[in-house]
Amino acid sequence: MNTLNRLYLLVILLAMSFYHPTNASQTNSISNSVQTIILVRHAEKSPDGGLTQQGKKRAKILAKILSDTKIEKIYSTETLRTQQTVTPTAITHDIPITLYNSNQELSTELKRQMREHSNDKTILIVGHSNTIPNLIYQLGGPSLEDIDESVFDNLFILQVSSQTTHCLHLHYPETRL
C-alpha cells in the first residue's frame, strides 16, 4: 500500500474512530448504533451515459481506497454511470449493487434499517450532483449546495446515530494512487 493510499485510509479510519462509540455496551444498544454511510457522486460521465476513461480510472481508485473498509451494502441509482462507478467496489467486496429510484425511498429505507438493526454497518451510496447533497440532508447531515457539474471527486462520510449525524467531506483523485 503506497503512502497516499495509506494517508486516505488513515483519514477515514481516524474519522470513523472519532465518531464511533467506544463503550462496548453502547455498541450493542440499538439507540446508540452508528451507521457509516459513504456517499459519492458518479465519476466522469461520457455523452453515451456511461463513464469516460478518466471516470473508469476514478471508479477503480474508489474501489482501491475502500478496499480495506468493510462495506456491507452498496446502493446506486439506475443510471449506467452510477453503476459503472460502483462496480469495481462491488467486485472488490463481492457484494451486489442495490438499485434505488429516489432519495426519499432510500433515506426511508436506511432510517428503517437503523431502527431495526443494532449492529453497526458501513454502506456506500453513489448518486448524482443534485441528489447526494439532498440525501446527506435527509439523513441528518448539513445542508449542502448541489455539486458543480464539473466536480467528481467528493467523498462524504456520514456517521449516523439516533442522537446525531456527523459529516466528513473528503476528495479522492482520478489518477493512480
C-alpha atoms as a PDB file:
ATOM      1  CA  MET A   1       0.000   0.000   0.000  1.00  0.00           C
ATOM      2  CA  ASN A   2       1.636   3.260  -1.052  1.00  0.00           C
ATOM      3  CA  THR A   3       1.878   6.415   1.036  1.00  0.00           C
ATOM      4  CA  LEU A   4      -1.075   8.324  -0.449  1.00  0.00           C
ATOM      5  CA  ASN A   5      -3.372   5.313  -0.151  1.00  0.00           C
ATOM      6  CA  ARG A   6      -2.317   4.879   3.470  1.00  0.00           C
ATOM      7  CA  LEU A   7      -2.991   8.551   4.105  1.00  0.00           C
ATOM      8  CA  TYR A   8      -6.539   8.273   2.739  1.00  0.00           C
ATOM      9  CA  LEU A   9      -7.161   5.156   4.783  1.00  0.00           C
ATOM     10  CA  LEU A  10      -5.746   6.804   7.904  1.00  0.00           C
ATOM     11  CA  VAL A  11      -8.010   9.850   7.494  1.00  0.00           C
ATOM     12  CA  ILE A  12     -11.066   7.643   7.030  1.00  0.00           C
ATOM     13  CA  LEU A  13     -10.192   5.416   9.981  1.00  0.00           C
ATOM     14  CA  LEU A  14      -9.465   8.388  12.218  1.00  0.00           C
ATOM     15  CA  ALA A  15     -12.751   9.987  11.298  1.00  0.00           C
ATOM     16  CA  MET A  16     -14.629   6.759  11.929  1.00  0.00           C
ATOM     17  CA  SER A  17     -12.916   6.128  15.270  1.00  0.00           C
ATOM     18  CA  PHE A  18     -13.546   9.695  16.408  1.00  0.00           C
ATOM     19  CA  TYR A  19     -17.308   9.393  15.992  1.00  0.00           C
ATOM     20  CA  HIS A  20     -17.711   5.706  16.763  1.00  0.00           C
ATOM     21  CA  PRO A  21     -18.880   4.661  20.263  1.00  0.00           C
ATOM     22  CA  THR A  22     -16.026   3.123  22.236  1.00  0.00           C
ATOM     23  CA  ASN A  23     -18.046   1.676  25.075  1.00  0.00           C
ATOM     24  CA  ALA A  24     -18.951  -1.950  24.286  1.00  0.00           C
ATOM     25  CA  SER A  25     -22.351  -1.633  25.948  1.00  0.00           C
ATOM     26  CA  GLN A  26     -23.143   1.365  23.724  1.00  0.00           C
ATOM     27  CA  THR A  27     -22.183  -0.535  20.603  1.00  0.00           C
ATOM     28  CA  ASN A  28     -24.738  -3.233  21.370  1.00  0.00           C
ATOM     29  CA  SER A  29     -27.541  -0.769  22.052  1.00  0.00           C
ATOM     30  CA  ILE A  30     -29.996  -0.074  19.255  1.00  0.00           C
ATOM     31  CA  SER A  31     -30.314   3.560  20.297  1.00  0.00           C
ATOM     32  CA  ASN A  32     -26.522   4.044  20.173  1.00  0.00           C
ATOM     33  CA  SER A  33     -25.838   2.101  16.999  1.00  0.00           C
ATOM     34  CA  VAL A  34     -23.727   4.018  14.495  1.00  0.00           C
ATOM     35  CA  GLN A  35     -24.140   3.596  10.788  1.00  0.00           C
ATOM     36  CA  THR A  36     -21.377   4.805   8.480  1.00  0.00           C
ATOM     37  CA  ILE A  37     -22.622   5.961   5.105  1.00  0.00           C
ATOM     38  CA  ILE A  38     -20.130   6.794   2.372  1.00  0.00           C
ATOM     39  CA  LEU A  39     -21.607   8.912  -0.410  1.00  0.00           C
ATOM     40  CA  VAL A  40     -20.039   9.807  -3.753  1.00  0.00           C
ATOM     41  CA  ARG A  41     -21.177  11.329  -6.973  1.00  0.00           C
ATOM     42  CA  HIS A  42     -20.684   9.180 -10.063  1.00  0.00           C
ATOM     43  CA  ALA A  43     -17.334   9.529 -11.813  1.00  0.00           C
ATOM     44  CA  GLU A  44     -16.753  11.500 -15.038  1.00  0.00           C
ATOM     45  CA  LYS A  45     -19.558  10.813 -17.493  1.00  0.00           C
ATOM     46  CA  SER A  46     -19.400  10.337 -21.232  1.00  0.00           C
ATOM     47  CA  PRO A  47     -22.033  11.531 -23.731  1.00  0.00           C
ATOM     48  CA  ASP A  48     -23.352   7.960 -24.064  1.00  0.00           C
ATOM     49  CA  GLY A  49     -24.374   7.903 -20.384  1.00  0.00           C
ATOM     50  CA  GLY A  50     -21.516   5.716 -19.190  1.00  0.00           C
ATOM     51  CA  LEU A  51     -18.117   6.749 -17.875  1.00  0.00           C
ATOM     52  CA  THR A  52     -15.183   8.291 -19.713  1.00  0.00           C
ATOM     53  CA  GLN A  53     -11.767   6.613 -19.461  1.00  0.00           C
ATOM     54  CA  GLN A  54     -10.930   9.092 -16.698  1.00  0.00           C
ATOM     55  CA  GLY A  55     -14.172   8.140 -14.944  1.00  0.00           C
ATOM     56  CA  LYS A  56     -13.336   4.438 -15.177  1.00  0.00           C
ATOM     57  CA  LYS A  57      -9.944   5.167 -13.606  1.00  0.00           C
ATOM     58  CA  ARG A  58     -11.639   7.104 -10.808  1.00  0.00           C
ATOM     59  CA  ALA A  59     -14.046   4.202 -10.189  1.00  0.00           C
ATOM     60  CA  LYS A  60     -11.072   1.848  -9.775  1.00  0.00           C
ATOM     61  CA  ILE A  61      -9.377   4.326  -7.418  1.00  0.00           C
ATOM     62  CA  LEU A  62     -12.546   4.473  -5.307  1.00  0.00           C
ATOM     63  CA  ALA A  63     -12.532   0.671  -5.066  1.00  0.00           C
ATOM     64  CA  LYS A  64      -8.884   0.729  -4.011  1.00  0.00           C
ATOM     65  CA  ILE A  65      -9.458   3.440  -1.385  1.00  0.00           C
ATOM     66  CA  LEU A  66     -12.368   1.469   0.071  1.00  0.00           C
ATOM     67  CA  SER A  67     -10.764  -1.972  -0.267  1.00  0.00           C
ATOM     68  CA  ASP A  68      -9.909  -2.208   3.444  1.00  0.00           C
ATOM     69  CA  THR A  69     -13.283  -0.865   4.587  1.00  0.00           C
ATOM     70  CA  LYS A  70     -15.919  -3.443   5.477  1.00  0.00           C
ATOM     71  CA  ILE A  71     -18.804  -2.360   3.264  1.00  0.00           C
ATOM     72  CA  GLU A  72     -21.961  -4.366   3.792  1.00  0.00           C
ATOM     73  CA  LYS A  73     -24.316  -2.769   1.287  1.00  0.00           C
ATOM     74  CA  ILE A  74     -23.931  -0.752  -1.918  1.00  0.00           C
ATOM     75  CA  TYR A  75     -26.649   1.456  -3.393  1.00  0.00           C
ATOM     76  CA  SER A  76     -26.675   3.009  -6.851  1.00  0.00           C
ATOM     77  CA  THR A  77     -29.232   4.852  -8.930  1.00  0.00           C
ATOM     78  CA  GLU A  78     -30.412   3.076 -12.052  1.00  0.00           C
ATOM     79  CA  THR A  79     -28.196   5.100 -14.413  1.00  0.00           C
ATOM     80  CA  LEU A  80     -25.294   3.440 -16.186  1.00  0.00           C
ATOM     81  CA  ARG A  81     -22.737   5.981 -14.900  1.00  0.00           C
ATOM     82  CA  THR A  82     -23.538   5.394 -11.222  1.00  0.00           C
ATOM     83  CA  GLN A  83     -23.491   1.638 -11.659  1.00  0.00           C
ATOM     84  CA  GLN A  84     -20.171   1.777 -13.521  1.00  0.00           C
ATOM     85  CA  THR A  85     -18.741   3.980 -10.750  1.00  0.00           C
ATOM     86  CA  VAL A  86     -19.584   1.462  -8.043  1.00  0.00           C
ATOM     87  CA  THR A  87     -18.993  -1.802  -9.920  1.00  0.00           C
ATOM     88  CA  PRO A  88     -15.251  -2.087  -9.112  1.00  0.00           C
ATOM     89  CA  THR A  89     -16.030  -1.625  -5.401  1.00  0.00           C
ATOM     90  CA  ALA A  90     -18.838  -4.186  -5.560  1.00  0.00           C
ATOM     91  CA  ILE A  91     -16.471  -6.670  -7.210  1.00  0.00           C
ATOM     92  CA  THR A  92     -13.736  -5.986  -4.627  1.00  0.00           C
ATOM     93  CA  HIS A  93     -16.177  -6.628  -1.765  1.00  0.00           C
ATOM     94  CA  ASP A  94     -18.102  -9.380  -3.570  1.00  0.00           C
ATOM     95  CA  ILE A  95     -21.483  -7.816  -2.808  1.00  0.00           C
ATOM     96  CA  PRO A  96     -24.362  -6.952  -5.126  1.00  0.00           C
ATOM     97  CA  ILE A  97     -25.407  -3.429  -6.073  1.00  0.00           C
ATOM     98  CA  THR A  98     -28.871  -2.479  -4.829  1.00  0.00           C
ATOM     99  CA  LEU A  99     -30.621  -0.037  -7.152  1.00  0.00           C
ATOM    100  CA  TYR A 100     -32.753   2.794  -5.794  1.00  0.00           C
ATOM    101  CA  ASN A 101     -35.193   5.121  -7.545  1.00  0.00           C
ATOM    102  CA  SER A 102     -35.289   8.181  -5.325  1.00  0.00           C
ATOM    103  CA  ASN A 103     -33.593   9.797  -2.371  1.00  0.00           C
ATOM    104  CA  GLN A 104     -36.802   9.703  -0.361  1.00  0.00           C
ATOM    105  CA  GLU A 105     -37.164   5.954  -0.933  1.00  0.00           C
ATOM    106  CA  LEU A 106     -33.528   5.345   0.021  1.00  0.00           C
ATOM    107  CA  SER A 107     -33.453   7.601   3.091  1.00  0.00           C
ATOM    108  CA  THR A 108     -36.661   5.982   4.375  1.00  0.00           C
ATOM    109  CA  GLU A 109     -35.130   2.515   3.877  1.00  0.00           C
ATOM    110  CA  LEU A 110     -31.864   3.479   5.594  1.00  0.00           C
ATOM    111  CA  LYS A 111     -33.693   5.005   8.558  1.00  0.00           C
ATOM    112  CA  ARG A 112     -35.811   1.829   8.864  1.00  0.00           C
ATOM    113  CA  GLN A 113     -32.673  -0.326   8.822  1.00  0.00           C
ATOM    114  CA  MET A 114     -31.063   1.806  11.533  1.00  0.00           C
ATOM    115  CA  ARG A 115     -34.129   1.400  13.770  1.00  0.00           C
ATOM    116  CA  GLU A 116     -34.333  -2.370  13.247  1.00  0.00           C
ATOM    117  CA  HIS A 117     -30.659  -3.363  13.394  1.00  0.00           C
ATOM    118  CA  SER A 118     -28.436  -2.741  16.382  1.00  0.00           C
ATOM    119  CA  ASN A 119     -25.204  -3.703  14.642  1.00  0.00           C
ATOM    120  CA  ASP A 120     -23.026  -1.031  13.104  1.00  0.00           C
ATOM    121  CA  LYS A 121     -22.824  -1.080   9.316  1.00  0.00           C
ATOM    122  CA  THR A 122     -20.997   0.676   6.538  1.00  0.00           C
ATOM    123  CA  ILE A 123     -22.902   1.493   3.374  1.00  0.00           C
ATOM    124  CA  LEU A 124     -21.749   3.010   0.080  1.00  0.00           C
ATOM    125  CA  ILE A 125     -24.149   5.165  -1.946  1.00  0.00           C
ATOM    126  CA  VAL A 126     -23.460   6.509  -5.438  1.00  0.00           C
ATOM    127  CA  GLY A 127     -25.690   9.249  -6.778  1.00  0.00           C
ATOM    128  CA  HIS A 128     -25.689  12.499  -8.721  1.00  0.00           C
ATOM    129  CA  SER A 129     -24.598  16.117  -8.289  1.00  0.00           C
ATOM    130  CA  ASN A 130     -28.095  17.162  -7.223  1.00  0.00           C
ATOM    131  CA  THR A 131     -29.088  14.059  -5.237  1.00  0.00           C
ATOM    132  CA  ILE A 132     -26.083  13.407  -2.962  1.00  0.00           C
ATOM    133  CA  PRO A 133     -26.334  16.762  -1.086  1.00  0.00           C
ATOM    134  CA  ASN A 134     -30.077  16.253  -0.632  1.00  0.00           C
ATOM    135  CA  LEU A 135     -29.607  12.698   0.637  1.00  0.00           C
ATOM    136  CA  ILE A 136     -26.972  13.887   3.135  1.00  0.00           C
ATOM    137  CA  TYR A 137     -29.502  16.408   4.450  1.00  0.00           C
ATOM    138  CA  GLN A 138     -32.330  13.827   4.615  1.00  0.00           C
ATOM    139  CA  LEU A 139     -30.077  11.589   6.721  1.00  0.00           C
ATOM    140  CA  GLY A 140     -29.437  14.376   9.239  1.00  0.00           C
ATOM    141  CA  GLY A 141     -26.292  15.899   7.753  1.00  0.00           C
ATOM    142  CA  PRO A 142     -25.696  19.527   6.861  1.00  0.00           C
ATOM    143  CA  SER A 143     -27.492  21.388   4.096  1.00  0.00           C
ATOM    144  CA  LEU A 144     -25.145  21.489   1.098  1.00  0.00           C
ATOM    145  CA  GLU A 145     -25.312  23.135  -2.312  1.00  0.00           C
ATOM    146  CA  ASP A 146     -25.624  20.898  -5.358  1.00  0.00           C
ATOM    147  CA  ILE A 147     -22.245  19.632  -6.526  1.00  0.00           C
ATOM    148  CA  ASP A 148     -20.882  21.526  -9.530  1.00  0.00           C
ATOM    149  CA  GLU A 149     -21.348  19.567 -12.768  1.00  0.00           C
ATOM    150  CA  SER A 150     -17.568  19.558 -13.367  1.00  0.00           C
ATOM    151  CA  VAL A 151     -16.666  18.137  -9.937  1.00  0.00           C
ATOM    152  CA  PHE A 152     -16.393  14.367  -9.475  1.00  0.00           C
ATOM    153  CA  ASP A 153     -14.003  13.930  -6.532  1.00  0.00           C
ATOM    154  CA  ASN A 154     -16.245  14.469  -3.495  1.00  0.00           C
ATOM    155  CA  LEU A 155     -16.381  11.710  -0.916  1.00  0.00           C
ATOM    156  CA  PHE A 156     -18.701  12.270   2.047  1.00  0.00           C
ATOM    157  CA  ILE A 157     -18.676  10.091   5.159  1.00  0.00           C
ATOM    158  CA  LEU A 158     -21.706  10.285   7.436  1.00  0.00           C
ATOM    159  CA  GLN A 159     -21.692   8.789  10.912  1.00  0.00           C
ATOM    160  CA  VAL A 160     -25.366   8.449  11.815  1.00  0.00           C
ATOM    161  CA  SER A 161     -26.690   7.517  15.253  1.00  0.00           C
ATOM    162  CA  SER A 162     -30.008   8.106  16.973  1.00  0.00           C
ATOM    163  CA  GLN A 163     -28.521  11.159  18.707  1.00  0.00           C
ATOM    164  CA  THR A 164     -26.542  12.895  15.972  1.00  0.00           C
ATOM    165  CA  THR A 165     -25.081  12.833  12.476  1.00  0.00           C
ATOM    166  CA  HIS A 166     -21.510  13.850  11.708  1.00  0.00           C
ATOM    167  CA  CYS A 167     -20.333  14.603   8.178  1.00  0.00           C
ATOM    168  CA  LEU A 168     -16.763  14.426   6.909  1.00  0.00           C
ATOM    169  CA  HIS A 169     -16.089  15.814   3.421  1.00  0.00           C
ATOM    170  CA  LEU A 170     -13.038  14.439   1.585  1.00  0.00           C
ATOM    171  CA  HIS A 171     -11.797  14.355  -2.004  1.00  0.00           C
ATOM    172  CA  TYR A 172     -10.327  11.434  -3.922  1.00  0.00           C
ATOM    173  CA  PRO A 173      -8.193  11.563  -7.069  1.00  0.00           C
ATOM    174  CA  GLU A 174      -8.916  10.340 -10.577  1.00  0.00           C
ATOM    175  CA  THR A 175      -5.339   9.260 -11.119  1.00  0.00           C
ATOM    176  CA  ARG A 176      -3.291   6.407  -9.714  1.00  0.00           C
ATOM    177  CA  LEU A 177      -2.640   6.228  -6.001  1.00  0.00           C
END
